Amino acid sequence: MSDQYKPVSCAIHSEYELAIMHNQSLHITWQDSNNEHQTLFAIPDDLFTRDHAEYLLITDVTGTQLELRLDKILEAIPA
């Protein structure tokens, strides 16, 4: 898996911002560091930038927080 960040579109970024503002649960699928697909339901908490990449901070149903790099998110559907 490439470590080179690929920026996401402004439209996708805006969708995450709206989900955060509305505390909207998402069904999220992403590609992990082992190139495997992971899926869960979560509440998006924040967007942030680190090391020239953008991340979505989420909280899953168990209360665990995860940081997902935006270009690794394959799908985020309102739940």
Protein backbone atom coordinates (compact mmCIF):
# COMPACT_ATOMS: atom_id res chain seq x y z
CA MET A 1 0.00 0.00 0.00
CA SER A 2 1.36 3.39 -0.95
CA ASP A 3 2.05 5.87 1.82
CA GLN A 4 1.60 8.77 -0.62
CA TYR A 5 -1.58 10.64 0.36
CA LYS A 6 -4.07 11.22 -2.46
CA PRO A 7 -6.32 14.20 -1.65
CA VAL A 8 -10.07 13.57 -1.68
CA SER A 9 -12.56 15.80 -3.45
CA CYS A 10 -14.01 18.86 -1.73
CA ALA A 11 -17.46 17.28 -2.06
CA ILE A 12 -16.44 14.21 -0.03
CA HIS A 13 -14.71 16.40 2.55
CA SER A 14 -17.92 18.46 2.85
CA GLU A 15 -19.99 15.30 3.36
CA TYR A 16 -17.78 14.35 6.32
CA GLU A 17 -18.09 17.87 7.74
CA LEU A 18 -21.89 17.69 7.53
CA ALA A 19 -21.95 14.26 9.17
CA ILE A 20 -19.83 15.66 12.02
CA MET A 21 -22.08 18.71 12.43
CA HIS A 22 -25.22 16.54 12.53
CA ASN A 23 -23.67 13.79 14.69
CA GLN A 24 -24.73 11.36 11.96
CA SER A 25 -23.80 7.70 12.23
CA LEU A 26 -21.94 6.31 9.21
CA HIS A 27 -21.41 2.81 7.87
CA ILE A 28 -17.73 3.08 6.91
CA THR A 29 -15.57 0.75 4.83
CA TRP A 30 -11.84 1.41 4.53
CA GLN A 31 -8.63 -0.26 3.48
CA ASP A 32 -6.31 -0.97 6.39
CA SER A 33 -2.50 -1.11 6.41
CA ASN A 34 -2.64 -4.80 5.40
CA ASN A 35 -4.75 -3.95 2.30
CA GLU A 36 -7.76 -5.62 3.90
CA HIS A 37 -11.21 -4.07 3.95
CA GLN A 38 -12.64 -3.16 7.34
CA THR A 39 -16.24 -2.11 8.00
CA LEU A 40 -18.02 -0.65 10.99
CA PHE A 41 -20.71 1.75 12.16
CA ALA A 42 -19.31 4.90 13.75
CA ILE A 43 -19.94 8.53 14.61
CA PRO A 44 -17.55 10.98 12.92
CA ASP A 45 -16.02 13.34 15.48
CA ASP A 46 -13.51 15.52 13.66
CA LEU A 47 -11.39 16.09 10.57
CA PHE A 48 -7.72 16.93 10.96
CA THR A 49 -4.44 17.07 9.08
CA ARG A 50 -1.20 15.37 10.08
CA ASP A 51 1.98 14.82 8.04
CA HIS A 52 0.39 16.26 4.87
CA ALA A 53 -2.58 13.86 5.02
CA GLU A 54 -6.20 14.35 6.11
CA TYR A 55 -7.90 12.10 8.65
CA LEU A 56 -11.39 11.43 9.96
CA LEU A 57 -11.59 10.78 13.70
CA ILE A 58 -14.45 8.39 14.46
CA THR A 59 -15.94 6.69 17.50
CA ASP A 60 -17.32 3.18 17.02
CA VAL A 61 -20.22 1.61 18.90
CA THR A 62 -17.90 0.37 21.69
CA GLY A 63 -16.59 3.90 22.30
CA THR A 64 -13.22 3.24 20.68
CA GLN A 65 -11.76 6.13 18.68
CA LEU A 66 -10.05 5.47 15.36
CA GLU A 67 -8.22 7.73 12.91
CA LEU A 68 -8.94 6.91 9.27
CA ARG A 69 -6.92 8.50 6.51
CA LEU A 70 -9.44 9.98 4.07
CA ASP A 71 -7.92 8.45 0.95
CA LYS A 72 -8.21 4.97 2.50
CA ILE A 73 -11.97 5.30 3.10
CA LEU A 74 -13.74 3.31 0.37
CA GLU A 75 -17.31 4.12 1.39
CA ALA A 76 -19.11 6.10 4.09
CA ILE A 77 -22.88 5.76 3.96
CA PRO A 78 -25.26 7.47 6.40
CA ALA A 79 -26.67 4.82 8.70
